[in-house]
Amino acid sequence: MITADRVRLYVIVDGGVELDIVNEDSNGNLNAIASGVWETKTLDLTNYTNVQLVFEVDTNVPSEGAYIDNVRIKGLN
């Protein structure tokens, strides 16, 4: 049973390493997500060849959720 809300946005890069972009939960660390203020997050992936973007949301109430908007993945080529 889920006892706290959790939002995690991360990438899995070469070799399966996970790099967090956002990892927050309502046990004291959901302030940025709950504020309703849009944030810009960046992550330098130039040293990797394979990248998988993963978005996870766990809530303790079925009517809750999260939104991600304006995702941009920019390459050098």
Protein backbone atom coordinates (compact mmCIF):
# COMPACT_ATOMS: atom_id res chain seq x y z
CA MET A 1 0.00 0.00 0.00
CA ILE A 2 1.28 3.45 -0.95
CA THR A 3 1.47 5.76 2.08
CA ALA A 4 2.98 8.83 0.40
CA ASP A 5 2.81 10.56 -2.96
CA ARG A 6 5.95 10.27 -5.07
CA VAL A 7 7.08 11.78 -8.35
CA ARG A 8 10.24 10.64 -10.07
CA LEU A 9 11.60 11.68 -13.46
CA TYR A 10 14.92 10.14 -14.39
CA VAL A 11 17.01 8.78 -17.23
CA ILE A 12 18.62 5.39 -17.58
CA VAL A 13 21.92 5.75 -19.41
CA ASP A 14 24.55 3.37 -20.78
CA GLY A 15 25.04 0.40 -18.49
CA GLY A 16 21.75 0.93 -16.64
CA VAL A 17 22.84 3.83 -14.43
CA GLU A 18 19.87 5.94 -13.23
CA LEU A 19 20.27 9.73 -13.11
CA ASP A 20 17.53 11.63 -11.27
CA ILE A 21 16.03 14.79 -12.71
CA VAL A 22 13.21 14.98 -10.13
CA ASN A 23 12.78 12.61 -7.18
CA GLU A 24 10.37 13.93 -4.57
CA ASP A 25 7.86 12.48 -2.13
CA SER A 26 5.26 13.86 0.25
CA ASN A 27 7.18 12.69 3.30
CA GLY A 28 8.67 16.16 3.53
CA ASN A 29 10.15 16.66 0.07
CA LEU A 30 7.30 17.36 -2.37
CA ASN A 31 7.55 21.14 -2.06
CA ALA A 32 8.65 21.94 -5.61
CA ILE A 33 6.03 19.72 -7.20
CA ALA A 34 3.15 20.73 -4.91
CA SER A 35 3.81 24.47 -5.29
CA GLY A 36 2.28 24.53 -8.78
CA VAL A 37 5.23 26.54 -10.08
CA TRP A 38 6.76 25.31 -13.35
CA GLU A 39 10.43 24.47 -13.09
CA THR A 40 13.13 23.99 -15.70
CA LYS A 41 15.36 20.97 -15.20
CA THR A 42 18.42 20.17 -17.30
CA LEU A 43 20.80 17.24 -17.40
CA ASP A 44 23.97 17.00 -19.47
CA LEU A 45 23.91 13.69 -21.35
CA THR A 46 26.75 14.33 -23.80
CA ASN A 47 28.87 11.46 -22.41
CA TYR A 48 26.19 8.81 -23.08
CA THR A 49 25.04 7.05 -26.25
CA ASN A 50 21.82 5.41 -25.03
CA VAL A 51 19.31 7.29 -22.90
CA GLN A 52 15.83 6.21 -21.73
CA LEU A 53 13.53 8.80 -20.12
CA VAL A 54 11.34 7.40 -17.30
CA PHE A 55 8.46 9.10 -15.47
CA GLU A 56 6.94 7.50 -12.35
CA VAL A 57 4.04 8.72 -10.21
CA ASP A 58 2.76 6.91 -7.13
CA THR A 59 -0.18 8.37 -5.22
CA ASN A 60 -2.16 7.29 -2.20
CA VAL A 61 -5.39 8.72 -3.66
CA PRO A 62 -6.59 7.60 -7.13
CA SER A 63 -7.69 11.12 -8.17
CA GLU A 64 -4.19 12.60 -7.74
CA GLY A 65 -1.64 12.85 -10.51
CA ALA A 66 1.13 14.92 -12.05
CA TYR A 67 1.83 16.65 -15.35
CA ILE A 68 4.97 17.01 -17.41
CA ASP A 69 4.92 19.60 -20.14
CA ASN A 70 7.30 20.94 -22.77
CA VAL A 71 9.90 18.18 -22.67
CA ARG A 72 12.79 18.98 -24.98
CA ILE A 73 15.66 16.65 -25.71
CA LYS A 74 18.39 18.50 -27.53
CA GLY A 75 21.35 16.84 -29.21
CA LEU A 76 24.57 18.10 -30.64
CA ASN A 77 23.99 16.70 -34.14
